[in-house]
Amino acid sequence: MINSNIIDKPRKAGAPDLLGVDDYMHALIKFIQTCNMPTTIAVQGEWGSGKTSMLNQIKHQLCETGVDKELDNELPYYGVWINTWQYSIMKSRDETLMAIIGGLTNEISRIIKRKHESQSQAVLNKVSSLFGKIAKAGAKVAGNQIGLEGDSIDSFFQGNEETVDLLNFKNSLQDAINQCLELDIKQGNNNRGFIFFIDDLDRIDPPVAVEILELIKNIFEVDNCIFVLAIDYEVVVKGLIPKFGPLTDKNEREFRSFFDKIIQLPFSMPVAMYDVNHFLLQSLEDIGYIDAQFSENDSLKDKLTDFAMLSVGTNPRSLKRLINTLSLLNIIGNVKNNEEKEQYELVVNFGLVCIQIAYPKVYQILIEEPDYKGWDEKTAKKLRLPELLEGQAIALKETTEFDEEWETILFRICQKEPYLASRAFQISLLLNYLSEIIPVELDFGEEISKIIGTSAVTSVSIDYVPKQSKKGEKVRFEGWVGFEQMLKTNKNITSFIPTLKEMHDYLETEYEDLIQFNYTPNFLTLACKYPTSRARTFLFVRLKKGNVNLEFNQKVVTINTIEEFSSEVRSEIKNYFNSYSIKKL
């Protein structure tokens, strides 16, 4: 069964490894199995890079299920999962910190009670009693006194009743955990300890995320415990700005020292090593975008990976969005045209969607000027691009990515935005690779215009609907109605509209479902739905002042009146169509 989308959920425990990360996961598991405790491990990576999926797999491999007793006796740890973002919803900073203390405490108590309720009741009662006192004192003790406003919890243990309760609470947690493990050994279960999985720290306010790190360090870092945190170092940096000020070369060591104090082992998600090619092909087959025959074409498969790497990169969340976008466009194409696309069209569409997601401003310009290999100084003036400095012009001529005029225009487009400027070489490579896909016998601009017209509906920044067009803009219209509305804005052709409509209706009736109309401000084209080769467009109807030129079979016929659209002309067009099409008229 073909699915229409890829769900953006973390990889479930035991699910197949589509990105090739299991070797790294197994290595991290081996480290955890033999490490001394307490230890804190940071699984680092940008949002959507797969941190939660990694935590899921570790928990599945090492932690008791609480359901299968036989399996649980073989697994060496108890697992506690805390989603910090869920604890922070609709809560203030202090309430969030207090809720996380409560969540961790409740999870520890729940596990111990499940395993040894009668024998551990006394220590659990003590934990509960001390937590109640802390909760009554408020989040100030748990937040301000051990957070960014203080260096260490030890500096507050000076006889104050609240801080003494906090120290007693930490000791009571240690006693409860130790007793649980001792009772396990007596029952023949050699559990090593508890693993705490702290997820989604990068979804909450960075200063609060940093305070949570200190909270864990100062209260819950006890013997026989391992903390595995999903957090990016950049979040820590942002969270420390209120304490250290903006990050500079001079204070970078302070930021790094804080991180090193909390974290004993940093582990970065190996995004650069992800098997993007396998993931893409498998996902594209799952949604029905490509078939087994396509998968046999190594050259085109490699282009898909190239386009992805030059745009959305290896981030799994971005890749899933790309796949889902392609799935919807594929469904729209099937509903509208019910025709099978050429392999080159699938690859070009893939590349355009990559640009749409990663470089929306470049994509918007492609909507307006799809024949990008024809970009010149007129294009630059229309887009109000900045002039190149003399040194820039000389340097660009010496590069293969920007030695053509259209590439220079692209470079100037990218200079208007810092992110695009930093990715200018990647964008140039992507567009060059894209141009190599379209067969040389086809009109390049027309092909890009045709394909990009369907992908625009999934753009988040462009309202792509039929609209009035300025001369020269390459826009596509959905059906005769939108095309006619555009024609009425041009005084030079208004009087010719009835004649053009009569020609259009004849062709539509005569050829029925054997052809496809494509409407643009400067011409309409007729494409063969069942071509004998990759070339599909067999007739151009080019708009002129008060007439049209019919262009087919290397000849041009000018039509001023409907009488000039004679039976002889119609017969020549028909014969030329039959030479193109598998299905004849």
Protein backbone atom coordinates (compact mmCIF):
# COMPACT_ATOMS: atom_id res chain seq x y z
CA MET A 1 0.00 0.00 0.00
CA ILE A 2 1.28 3.47 -0.96
CA ASN A 3 1.24 6.02 1.86
CA SER A 4 0.75 9.71 1.15
CA ASN A 5 3.14 11.06 3.76
CA ILE A 6 6.03 10.44 6.13
CA ILE A 7 5.07 11.16 9.74
CA ASP A 8 7.38 13.57 11.51
CA LYS A 9 7.71 11.48 14.63
CA PRO A 10 10.86 10.15 16.29
CA ARG A 11 11.99 6.70 15.23
CA LYS A 12 10.16 4.18 17.38
CA ALA A 13 12.01 1.70 19.53
CA GLY A 14 13.30 -1.15 17.37
CA ALA A 15 12.21 0.48 14.08
CA PRO A 16 14.40 0.03 10.96
CA ASP A 17 17.47 2.24 10.63
CA LEU A 18 16.90 4.20 7.40
CA LEU A 19 19.64 6.76 7.99
CA GLY A 20 22.51 4.45 8.90
CA VAL A 21 23.04 5.64 12.48
CA ASP A 22 22.84 2.32 14.34
CA ASP A 23 26.63 1.91 14.56
CA TYR A 24 26.86 5.18 16.46
CA MET A 25 23.91 4.24 18.64
CA HIS A 26 25.43 0.86 19.56
CA ALA A 27 28.75 2.51 20.42
CA LEU A 28 27.00 4.96 22.74
CA ILE A 29 25.10 2.09 24.36
CA LYS A 30 28.35 0.22 25.03
CA PHE A 31 29.77 3.33 26.66
CA ILE A 32 26.71 3.64 28.92
CA GLN A 33 26.82 -0.02 29.90
CA THR A 34 30.35 0.28 31.29
CA CYS A 35 30.56 3.89 32.49
CA ASN A 36 30.97 4.92 36.13
CA MET A 37 28.03 6.74 37.71
CA PRO A 38 26.83 9.40 38.13
CA THR A 39 27.41 10.50 34.51
CA THR A 40 25.65 13.05 32.29
CA ILE A 41 25.66 12.63 28.51
CA ALA A 42 24.53 15.34 26.09
CA VAL A 43 23.10 14.14 22.76
CA GLN A 44 23.60 17.26 20.67
CA GLY A 45 22.11 18.34 17.36
CA GLU A 46 19.91 20.96 15.76
CA TRP A 47 16.15 20.74 16.00
CA GLY A 48 14.91 17.82 13.90
CA SER A 49 18.29 16.08 13.65
CA GLY A 50 17.08 12.89 15.38
CA LYS A 51 18.00 13.37 19.04
CA THR A 52 14.70 11.99 20.34
CA SER A 53 15.01 8.99 18.01
CA MET A 54 18.46 8.26 19.45
CA LEU A 55 17.11 8.46 23.02
CA ASN A 56 14.27 6.12 22.07
CA GLN A 57 16.68 3.48 20.80
CA ILE A 58 18.93 3.69 23.87
CA LYS A 59 15.95 3.32 26.20
CA HIS A 60 14.66 0.37 24.19
CA GLN A 61 18.05 -1.40 24.31
CA LEU A 62 18.92 -0.77 27.97
CA CYS A 63 15.86 -0.08 30.10
CA GLU A 64 13.17 -2.26 31.62
CA THR A 65 9.77 -2.25 29.96
CA GLY A 66 7.74 -2.77 33.12
CA VAL A 67 5.63 -5.29 31.16
CA ASP A 68 7.79 -8.27 30.19
CA LYS A 69 9.34 -9.63 33.43
CA GLU A 70 11.59 -12.13 31.66
CA LEU A 71 13.00 -9.47 29.34
CA ASP A 72 13.26 -6.96 32.18
CA ASN A 73 15.56 -9.29 34.12
CA GLU A 74 18.04 -9.07 31.22
CA LEU A 75 17.94 -5.26 30.82
CA PRO A 76 20.35 -3.45 33.15
CA TYR A 77 18.61 -0.13 33.88
CA TYR A 78 15.39 1.52 34.91
CA GLY A 79 14.35 4.23 32.47
CA VAL A 80 12.78 7.58 33.39
CA TRP A 81 11.62 9.80 30.51
CA ILE A 82 10.94 13.50 31.04
CA ASN A 83 9.72 15.73 28.21
CA THR A 84 10.67 19.15 29.56
CA TRP A 85 8.60 21.02 26.98
CA GLN A 86 5.40 19.34 28.16
CA TYR A 87 6.23 20.30 31.74
CA SER A 88 6.71 23.93 30.67
CA ILE A 89 3.44 24.46 28.76
CA MET A 90 1.34 27.24 30.31
CA LYS A 91 3.78 27.55 33.21
CA SER A 92 6.08 30.27 34.46
CA ARG A 93 9.81 29.67 34.85
CA ASP A 94 9.49 28.82 38.56
CA GLU A 95 6.47 26.58 37.97
CA THR A 96 8.37 24.75 35.21
CA LEU A 97 11.34 24.02 37.45
CA MET A 98 9.10 22.82 40.25
CA ALA A 99 7.07 20.65 37.86
CA ILE A 100 10.23 18.94 36.58
CA ILE A 101 11.42 18.21 40.13
CA GLY A 102 8.02 16.70 40.81
CA GLY A 103 8.01 14.74 37.55
CA LEU A 104 11.40 13.17 38.16
CA THR A 105 10.51 12.37 41.78
CA ASN A 106 7.18 10.79 40.85
CA GLU A 107 8.78 8.63 38.14
CA ILE A 108 11.47 7.36 40.51
CA SER A 109 8.87 6.62 43.20
CA ARG A 110 6.58 4.89 40.71
CA ILE A 111 9.32 2.48 39.59
CA ILE A 112 10.46 1.67 43.13
CA LYS A 113 6.88 1.19 44.32
CA ARG A 114 6.16 -1.13 41.40
CA LYS A 115 9.18 -3.30 42.19
CA HIS A 116 9.38 -3.19 45.99
CA GLU A 117 6.35 -1.39 47.38
CA SER A 118 6.16 -2.99 50.85
CA GLN A 119 9.89 -2.97 51.55
CA SER A 120 10.53 0.56 50.31
CA GLN A 121 7.55 2.37 51.77
CA ALA A 122 9.57 4.09 54.49
CA VAL A 123 12.15 5.66 52.17
CA LEU A 124 9.46 6.64 49.69
CA ASN A 125 7.46 8.34 52.44
CA LYS A 126 10.54 10.34 53.37
CA VAL A 127 11.10 11.39 49.74
CA SER A 128 7.45 12.43 49.47
CA SER A 129 7.51 14.36 52.74
CA LEU A 130 10.64 16.31 51.87
CA PHE A 131 9.39 17.10 48.39
CA GLY A 132 6.20 18.43 49.93
CA LYS A 133 8.22 20.86 52.07
CA ILE A 134 10.19 22.03 49.06
CA ALA A 135 7.03 22.51 47.02
CA LYS A 136 5.49 24.52 49.85
CA ALA A 137 8.57 26.74 50.03
CA GLY A 138 8.04 27.47 46.34
CA ALA A 139 10.12 27.30 43.22
CA LYS A 140 12.47 29.99 44.54
CA VAL A 141 14.59 27.44 46.38
CA ALA A 142 14.78 25.13 43.37
CA GLY A 143 15.23 27.92 40.86
CA ASN A 144 16.83 31.12 42.07
CA GLN A 145 19.04 29.66 44.79
CA ILE A 146 20.55 26.93 42.68
CA GLY A 147 20.10 28.53 39.29
CA LEU A 148 21.96 31.23 37.49
CA GLU A 149 22.04 33.49 40.54
CA GLY A 150 24.30 31.10 42.46
CA ASP A 151 27.45 29.16 41.78
CA SER A 152 26.64 25.92 43.57
CA ILE A 153 24.05 24.36 45.80
CA ASP A 154 26.74 23.90 48.46
CA SER A 155 27.06 27.64 49.02
CA PHE A 156 23.51 27.73 50.34
CA PHE A 157 23.79 24.91 52.89
CA GLN A 158 24.38 27.21 55.82
CA GLY A 159 21.64 26.28 58.25
CA ASN A 160 18.70 27.75 56.38
CA GLU A 161 15.74 25.40 56.85
CA GLU A 162 14.80 25.42 53.18
CA THR A 163 18.28 24.55 51.93
CA VAL A 164 18.66 21.84 54.56
CA ASP A 165 15.42 20.30 53.30
CA LEU A 166 16.86 20.43 49.79
CA LEU A 167 20.00 18.58 50.86
CA ASN A 168 17.92 16.07 52.82
CA PHE A 169 15.74 15.58 49.74
CA LYS A 170 18.76 14.74 47.59
CA ASN A 171 20.03 12.30 50.22
CA SER A 172 16.60 10.67 50.50
CA LEU A 173 16.53 10.11 46.74
CA GLN A 174 19.95 8.48 46.98
CA ASP A 175 18.73 6.21 49.82
CA ALA A 176 15.63 5.19 47.87
CA ILE A 177 17.61 4.34 44.74
CA ASN A 178 20.27 2.42 46.69
CA GLN A 179 17.67 0.38 48.55
CA CYS A 180 15.86 -0.43 45.29
CA LEU A 181 19.05 -1.78 43.72
CA GLU A 182 19.96 -3.77 46.83
CA LEU A 183 16.53 -5.41 46.86
CA ASP A 184 16.92 -6.17 43.14
CA ILE A 185 20.15 -8.05 43.81
CA LYS A 186 18.47 -10.14 46.52
CA GLN A 187 15.78 -11.08 43.99
CA GLY A 188 18.34 -12.04 41.34
CA ASN A 189 17.92 -8.91 39.22
CA ASN A 190 21.29 -7.23 38.72
CA ASN A 191 20.11 -3.79 37.68
CA ARG A 192 22.94 -1.26 37.56
CA GLY A 193 20.85 1.85 38.15
CA PHE A 194 18.56 4.48 36.64
CA ILE A 195 18.86 6.27 33.29
CA PHE A 196 17.05 9.60 33.07
CA PHE A 197 16.18 10.73 29.53
CA ILE A 198 15.62 14.50 29.43
CA ASP A 199 14.09 15.45 26.09
CA ASP A 200 13.07 18.63 24.23
CA LEU A 201 15.27 21.06 26.13
CA ASP A 202 15.73 22.95 22.85
CA ARG A 203 11.98 23.68 22.66
CA ILE A 204 11.81 25.80 25.79
CA ASP A 205 13.24 29.20 26.67
CA PRO A 206 17.07 28.84 26.70
CA PRO A 207 17.63 30.47 30.14
CA VAL A 208 15.09 28.04 31.63
CA ALA A 209 16.80 25.13 29.83
CA VAL A 210 20.10 26.12 31.47
CA GLU A 211 18.45 26.28 34.89
CA ILE A 212 17.07 22.79 34.32
CA LEU A 213 20.61 21.60 33.64
CA GLU A 214 21.79 23.04 36.94
CA LEU A 215 18.74 21.60 38.67
CA ILE A 216 19.66 18.12 37.46
CA LYS A 217 23.29 18.60 38.38
CA ASN A 218 22.61 19.82 41.90
CA ILE A 219 19.63 17.72 42.99
CA PHE A 220 19.41 14.52 40.95
CA GLU A 221 23.02 13.74 40.15
CA VAL A 222 23.41 10.87 42.62
CA ASP A 223 25.14 7.50 42.58
CA ASN A 224 23.83 4.78 40.25
CA CYS A 225 22.25 7.35 37.92
CA ILE A 226 22.95 8.35 34.31
CA PHE A 227 21.41 11.37 32.63
CA VAL A 228 21.03 11.45 28.84
CA LEU A 229 20.07 14.94 27.71
CA ALA A 230 18.82 15.94 24.25
CA ILE A 231 20.17 19.46 23.86
CA ASP A 232 22.20 21.55 21.48
CA TYR A 233 25.18 23.54 22.71
CA GLU A 234 23.72 26.61 20.97
CA VAL A 235 20.76 26.49 23.39
CA VAL A 236 23.17 26.52 26.32
CA VAL A 237 24.97 29.53 24.84
CA LYS A 238 21.71 31.47 24.46
CA GLY A 239 20.66 30.48 27.98
CA LEU A 240 23.90 31.77 29.49
CA ILE A 241 23.74 35.22 27.90
CA PRO A 242 21.90 36.69 30.95
CA LYS A 243 24.83 35.53 33.09
CA PHE A 244 27.88 36.08 30.88
CA GLY A 245 26.62 38.51 28.24
CA PRO A 246 26.82 37.89 24.46
CA LEU A 247 29.31 35.24 23.38
CA THR A 248 32.69 36.70 22.35
CA ASP A 249 36.22 35.40 21.89
CA LYS A 250 37.06 36.73 25.35
CA ASN A 251 34.30 34.97 27.32
CA GLU A 252 33.91 31.83 25.16
CA ARG A 253 35.87 29.85 27.76
CA GLU A 254 33.27 30.71 30.43
CA PHE A 255 30.46 29.34 28.27
CA ARG A 256 32.42 26.19 27.51
CA SER A 257 33.41 25.71 31.16
CA PHE A 258 29.78 25.81 32.27
CA PHE A 259 28.84 23.19 29.67
CA ASP A 260 31.78 20.99 30.66
CA LYS A 261 30.83 21.24 34.33
CA ILE A 262 27.36 19.84 33.60
CA ILE A 263 28.23 17.39 30.82
CA GLN A 264 30.75 14.56 31.12
CA LEU A 265 30.28 13.27 27.56
CA PRO A 266 29.06 15.32 24.57
CA PHE A 267 27.74 13.24 21.66
CA SER A 268 26.84 15.05 18.43
CA MET A 269 24.27 13.49 16.11
CA PRO A 270 26.24 12.24 13.06
CA VAL A 271 24.09 14.12 10.53
CA ALA A 272 26.95 14.39 8.03
CA MET A 273 27.11 10.58 7.93
CA TYR A 274 23.38 9.97 7.40
CA ASP A 275 22.59 7.67 4.48
CA VAL A 276 20.41 10.26 2.72
CA ASN A 277 20.31 8.36 -0.58
CA HIS A 278 18.77 5.24 0.97
CA PHE A 279 16.30 7.25 3.06
CA LEU A 280 15.18 9.36 0.08
CA LEU A 281 14.71 6.50 -2.35
CA GLN A 282 12.87 4.35 0.17
CA SER A 283 10.60 7.24 1.16
CA LEU A 284 9.93 8.29 -2.45
CA GLU A 285 8.96 4.72 -3.31
CA ASP A 286 6.73 4.54 -0.23
CA ILE A 287 4.71 7.58 -1.37
CA GLY A 288 4.60 6.40 -5.00
CA TYR A 289 6.68 9.29 -6.39
CA ILE A 290 9.13 6.92 -8.08
CA ASP A 291 8.92 3.26 -9.03
CA ALA A 292 11.34 0.38 -9.28
CA GLN A 293 12.25 1.31 -12.86
CA PHE A 294 13.39 4.76 -11.72
CA SER A 295 15.45 3.19 -8.95
CA GLU A 296 17.49 1.36 -11.58
CA ASN A 297 18.73 4.66 -13.04
CA ASP A 298 21.83 5.39 -10.97
CA SER A 299 22.46 8.76 -12.59
CA LEU A 300 19.03 10.13 -11.71
CA LYS A 301 19.16 8.62 -8.22
CA ASP A 302 22.42 10.42 -7.57
CA LYS A 303 20.87 13.69 -8.74
CA LEU A 304 18.14 13.37 -6.11
CA THR A 305 20.75 13.04 -3.39
CA ASP A 306 22.75 15.93 -4.83
CA PHE A 307 19.70 18.20 -4.85
CA ALA A 308 18.84 17.30 -1.27
CA MET A 309 22.37 17.81 0.00
CA LEU A 310 22.64 21.19 -1.73
CA SER A 311 19.37 22.42 -0.21
CA VAL A 312 17.61 20.86 2.79
CA GLY A 313 20.71 18.90 3.83
CA THR A 314 20.62 15.83 6.07
CA ASN A 315 18.21 17.03 8.77
CA PRO A 316 15.54 14.27 8.99
CA ARG A 317 12.74 16.74 9.74
CA SER A 318 13.56 18.80 6.64
CA LEU A 319 13.80 15.65 4.53
CA LYS A 320 10.39 14.49 5.73
CA ARG A 321 8.85 17.83 4.84
CA LEU A 322 10.41 17.52 1.38
CA ILE A 323 8.96 14.02 0.92
CA ASN A 324 5.48 15.10 2.06
CA THR A 325 5.51 18.10 -0.27
CA LEU A 326 6.43 15.88 -3.22
CA SER A 327 3.69 13.44 -2.26
CA LEU A 328 1.00 16.13 -2.36
CA LEU A 329 2.26 17.51 -5.68
CA ASN A 330 2.27 13.99 -7.11
CA ILE A 331 -1.34 13.51 -6.04
CA ILE A 332 -2.35 16.88 -7.50
CA GLY A 333 -0.68 15.99 -10.80
CA ASN A 334 -2.47 12.63 -10.96
CA VAL A 335 -5.85 14.21 -10.18
CA LYS A 336 -5.46 16.97 -12.78
CA ASN A 337 -3.78 15.18 -15.64
CA ASN A 338 -3.91 11.47 -14.84
CA GLU A 339 -0.74 10.98 -16.86
CA GLU A 340 2.59 9.44 -16.08
CA LYS A 341 5.44 11.93 -15.88
CA GLU A 342 8.77 11.50 -17.60
CA GLN A 343 11.65 10.62 -15.32
CA TYR A 344 13.38 13.92 -16.04
CA GLU A 345 10.21 15.78 -14.99
CA LEU A 346 10.20 13.96 -11.65
CA VAL A 347 13.82 14.90 -11.01
CA VAL A 348 13.37 18.53 -12.07
CA ASN A 349 10.29 18.83 -9.89
CA PHE A 350 12.25 17.32 -7.01
CA GLY A 351 14.98 19.92 -7.46
CA LEU A 352 12.50 22.80 -7.65
CA VAL A 353 10.78 21.67 -4.45
CA CYS A 354 14.19 21.51 -2.77
CA ILE A 355 14.71 25.15 -3.76
CA GLN A 356 11.19 26.04 -2.59
CA ILE A 357 11.86 24.67 0.89
CA ALA A 358 15.48 25.76 1.37
CA TYR A 359 15.65 28.98 -0.66
CA PRO A 360 12.13 30.42 -0.96
CA LYS A 361 13.30 33.82 -2.25
CA VAL A 362 15.18 32.21 -5.13
CA TYR A 363 12.13 30.06 -5.82
CA GLN A 364 9.90 33.14 -6.00
CA ILE A 365 12.18 34.64 -8.66
CA LEU A 366 12.07 31.37 -10.59
CA ILE A 367 8.27 31.63 -10.59
CA GLU A 368 8.56 35.04 -12.24
CA GLU A 369 11.59 34.26 -14.45
CA PRO A 370 11.75 30.47 -14.97
CA ASP A 371 14.20 30.62 -17.90
CA TYR A 372 17.04 31.31 -15.50
CA LYS A 373 19.73 30.47 -18.06
CA GLY A 374 18.55 33.59 -19.88
CA TRP A 375 18.90 35.92 -16.90
CA ASP A 376 20.78 39.07 -17.93
CA GLU A 377 21.16 42.72 -17.02
CA LYS A 378 17.50 43.34 -17.82
CA THR A 379 16.62 40.76 -15.18
CA ALA A 380 18.95 42.48 -12.71
CA LYS A 381 17.27 45.85 -13.29
CA LYS A 382 13.83 44.34 -12.92
CA LEU A 383 14.84 42.75 -9.60
CA ARG A 384 16.71 45.91 -8.52
CA LEU A 385 19.86 43.98 -7.78
CA PRO A 386 22.97 45.68 -6.42
CA GLU A 387 25.88 46.21 -8.78
CA LEU A 388 28.92 43.99 -8.46
CA LEU A 389 32.10 45.53 -7.13
CA GLU A 390 35.03 45.40 -9.54
CA GLY A 391 36.88 42.91 -7.37
CA GLN A 392 33.79 40.69 -7.12
CA ALA A 393 33.32 40.64 -10.89
CA ILE A 394 36.94 39.60 -11.46
CA ALA A 395 36.76 36.88 -8.78
CA LEU A 396 33.51 35.46 -10.14
CA LYS A 397 34.91 35.13 -13.65
CA GLU A 398 37.58 32.85 -12.25
CA THR A 399 35.05 30.40 -10.78
CA THR A 400 33.13 27.75 -12.67
CA GLU A 401 30.03 28.39 -10.54
CA PHE A 402 29.67 32.06 -11.54
CA ASP A 403 31.42 32.52 -14.89
CA GLU A 404 28.22 32.80 -16.97
CA GLU A 405 26.00 35.88 -17.03
CA TRP A 406 22.97 34.18 -15.49
CA GLU A 407 25.18 32.85 -12.68
CA THR A 408 26.42 36.36 -11.99
CA ILE A 409 22.81 37.51 -11.70
CA LEU A 410 22.20 34.65 -9.26
CA PHE A 411 25.18 35.75 -7.20
CA ARG A 412 23.74 39.28 -7.02
CA ILE A 413 20.37 37.86 -5.95
CA CYS A 414 22.04 35.96 -3.12
CA GLN A 415 23.89 39.04 -1.88
CA LYS A 416 20.59 40.61 -0.77
CA GLU A 417 20.24 38.16 2.12
CA PRO A 418 23.00 36.84 4.45
CA TYR A 419 21.79 33.23 4.44
CA LEU A 420 21.58 33.09 0.64
CA ALA A 421 24.98 34.75 0.39
CA SER A 422 26.47 31.98 2.54
CA ARG A 423 24.86 29.34 0.31
CA ALA A 424 25.42 30.97 -3.09
CA PHE A 425 27.79 28.26 -4.36
CA GLN A 426 25.38 25.49 -3.37
CA ILE A 427 22.48 27.26 -5.11
CA SER A 428 24.54 27.74 -8.26
CA LEU A 429 25.52 24.07 -8.33
CA LEU A 430 21.92 23.02 -7.79
CA LEU A 431 20.63 25.14 -10.69
CA ASN A 432 23.46 23.94 -12.94
CA TYR A 433 22.67 20.32 -12.13
CA LEU A 434 18.99 21.05 -12.74
CA SER A 435 19.70 22.45 -16.20
CA GLU A 436 21.52 19.24 -17.16
CA ILE A 437 18.39 17.15 -16.57
CA ILE A 438 16.15 18.76 -19.20
CA PRO A 439 16.64 17.22 -22.68
CA VAL A 440 18.48 19.59 -25.04
CA GLU A 441 15.79 19.34 -27.73
CA LEU A 442 13.18 20.89 -25.40
CA ASP A 443 12.61 24.57 -24.69
CA PHE A 444 14.40 25.05 -21.37
CA GLY A 445 12.36 28.00 -20.09
CA GLU A 446 9.09 26.41 -21.11
CA GLU A 447 9.92 23.17 -19.31
CA ILE A 448 10.89 24.94 -16.08
CA SER A 449 7.77 27.11 -16.32
CA LYS A 450 5.55 24.08 -16.87
CA ILE A 451 6.97 22.09 -13.96
CA ILE A 452 7.25 24.93 -11.46
CA GLY A 453 3.60 25.85 -12.00
CA THR A 454 2.46 22.75 -10.13
CA SER A 455 4.91 22.97 -7.26
CA ALA A 456 3.99 26.53 -6.26
CA VAL A 457 0.85 25.44 -4.39
CA THR A 458 2.99 24.11 -1.52
CA SER A 459 5.04 27.28 -1.08
CA VAL A 460 4.53 29.00 2.28
CA SER A 461 5.63 32.41 1.01
CA ILE A 462 4.01 32.73 -2.40
CA ASP A 463 0.37 33.24 -3.27
CA TYR A 464 0.46 31.61 -6.67
CA VAL A 465 -2.89 32.23 -8.34
CA PRO A 466 -3.79 33.48 -11.82
CA LYS A 467 -3.27 37.24 -11.78
CA GLN A 468 -2.62 40.16 -14.02
CA SER A 469 0.83 39.92 -15.49
CA LYS A 470 3.36 42.44 -16.67
CA LYS A 471 4.84 41.94 -20.07
CA GLY A 472 7.73 39.50 -19.90
CA GLU A 473 6.63 37.71 -16.74
CA LYS A 474 6.44 33.95 -17.19
CA VAL A 475 3.40 32.91 -15.22
CA ARG A 476 1.13 29.95 -15.80
CA PHE A 477 -2.65 29.98 -15.65
CA GLU A 478 -5.06 27.24 -14.71
CA GLY A 479 -7.41 26.77 -17.65
CA TRP A 480 -8.89 29.09 -20.28
CA VAL A 481 -10.78 31.28 -17.78
CA GLY A 482 -7.68 32.59 -16.02
CA PHE A 483 -5.88 32.89 -19.36
CA GLU A 484 -8.74 34.94 -20.85
CA GLN A 485 -8.80 37.28 -17.85
CA MET A 486 -5.13 38.02 -18.45
CA LEU A 487 -5.73 38.57 -22.18
CA LYS A 488 -8.40 41.20 -21.45
CA THR A 489 -5.77 43.36 -19.73
CA ASN A 490 -3.86 43.66 -23.04
CA LYS A 491 -5.50 46.20 -25.37
CA ASN A 492 -3.48 44.95 -28.34
CA ILE A 493 -5.05 41.51 -28.26
CA THR A 494 -8.52 42.10 -26.78
CA SER A 495 -10.21 42.15 -30.18
CA PHE A 496 -8.58 38.86 -31.14
CA ILE A 497 -9.84 36.94 -28.09
CA PRO A 498 -13.01 35.55 -29.80
CA THR A 499 -10.92 34.19 -32.68
CA LEU A 500 -8.38 32.67 -30.29
CA LYS A 501 -11.22 31.14 -28.25
CA GLU A 502 -12.72 29.54 -31.36
CA MET A 503 -9.33 28.05 -32.28
CA HIS A 504 -8.84 26.86 -28.71
CA ASP A 505 -12.27 25.19 -28.62
CA TYR A 506 -11.67 23.43 -31.91
CA LEU A 507 -8.35 22.00 -30.72
CA GLU A 508 -9.84 21.00 -27.38
CA THR A 509 -12.77 19.21 -29.04
CA GLU A 510 -10.75 17.62 -31.84
CA TYR A 511 -7.89 16.27 -29.71
CA GLU A 512 -9.91 15.63 -26.52
CA ASP A 513 -7.79 13.87 -23.87
CA LEU A 514 -4.78 13.34 -26.15
CA ILE A 515 -3.29 16.75 -25.42
CA GLN A 516 -2.61 19.14 -22.58
CA PHE A 517 -2.91 22.95 -22.80
CA ASN A 518 -0.36 25.12 -21.02
CA TYR A 519 -1.25 28.80 -20.64
CA THR A 520 1.27 31.65 -20.18
CA PRO A 521 1.02 35.44 -20.76
CA ASN A 522 3.01 35.28 -24.03
CA PHE A 523 1.78 32.05 -25.58
CA LEU A 524 -0.12 28.85 -25.04
CA THR A 525 1.29 25.47 -25.94
CA LEU A 526 -0.18 22.10 -26.78
CA ALA A 527 1.65 19.08 -25.39
CA CYS A 528 1.16 15.47 -26.43
CA LYS A 529 0.09 13.27 -23.49
CA TYR A 530 1.34 10.06 -25.10
CA PRO A 531 4.54 11.02 -26.94
CA THR A 532 6.75 8.61 -28.82
CA SER A 533 9.82 10.31 -27.30
CA ARG A 534 10.66 12.72 -24.50
CA ALA A 535 9.67 15.72 -26.65
CA ARG A 536 6.01 16.52 -25.93
CA THR A 537 5.18 20.07 -27.06
CA PHE A 538 4.11 19.97 -30.71
CA LEU A 539 2.39 23.37 -31.14
CA PHE A 540 3.17 26.89 -29.91
CA VAL A 541 0.47 29.56 -30.20
CA ARG A 542 2.48 32.77 -29.75
CA LEU A 543 0.54 35.97 -28.97
CA LYS A 544 1.19 39.00 -31.17
CA LYS A 545 -0.51 42.40 -31.67
CA GLY A 546 -4.00 41.48 -32.84
CA ASN A 547 -3.00 38.04 -34.12
CA VAL A 548 -1.08 34.88 -33.26
CA ASN A 549 1.71 32.80 -34.76
CA LEU A 550 1.22 29.05 -34.90
CA GLU A 551 4.66 27.45 -34.62
CA PHE A 552 5.02 23.74 -35.44
CA ASN A 553 7.23 21.44 -37.49
CA GLN A 554 9.84 24.23 -37.96
CA LYS A 555 7.31 26.54 -39.65
CA VAL A 556 5.33 29.62 -38.60
CA VAL A 557 1.76 30.37 -39.67
CA THR A 558 0.32 33.79 -38.85
CA ILE A 559 -3.41 33.83 -38.04
CA ASN A 560 -5.26 37.16 -38.24
CA THR A 561 -8.81 35.80 -38.70
CA ILE A 562 -10.53 32.50 -38.06
CA GLU A 563 -10.69 31.89 -41.84
CA GLU A 564 -6.87 31.73 -41.92
CA PHE A 565 -7.09 28.85 -39.47
CA SER A 566 -7.99 26.81 -42.51
CA SER A 567 -8.59 23.10 -42.99
CA GLU A 568 -5.15 22.88 -44.61
CA VAL A 569 -3.47 24.37 -41.53
CA ARG A 570 -5.49 22.12 -39.26
CA SER A 571 -4.52 19.08 -41.31
CA GLU A 572 -0.80 19.96 -41.13
CA ILE A 573 -1.04 20.32 -37.35
CA LYS A 574 -2.86 16.99 -37.12
CA ASN A 575 -0.21 15.20 -39.19
CA TYR A 576 2.55 16.69 -37.09
CA PHE A 577 0.75 15.62 -33.91
CA ASN A 578 0.42 12.05 -35.21
CA SER A 579 4.18 11.94 -35.73
CA TYR A 580 4.58 12.80 -32.05
CA SER A 581 1.91 10.63 -30.46
CA ILE A 582 1.52 6.94 -29.78
CA LYS A 583 -2.25 7.42 -29.95
CA LYS A 584 -3.19 8.79 -33.37
CA LEU A 585 -6.09 10.97 -34.47
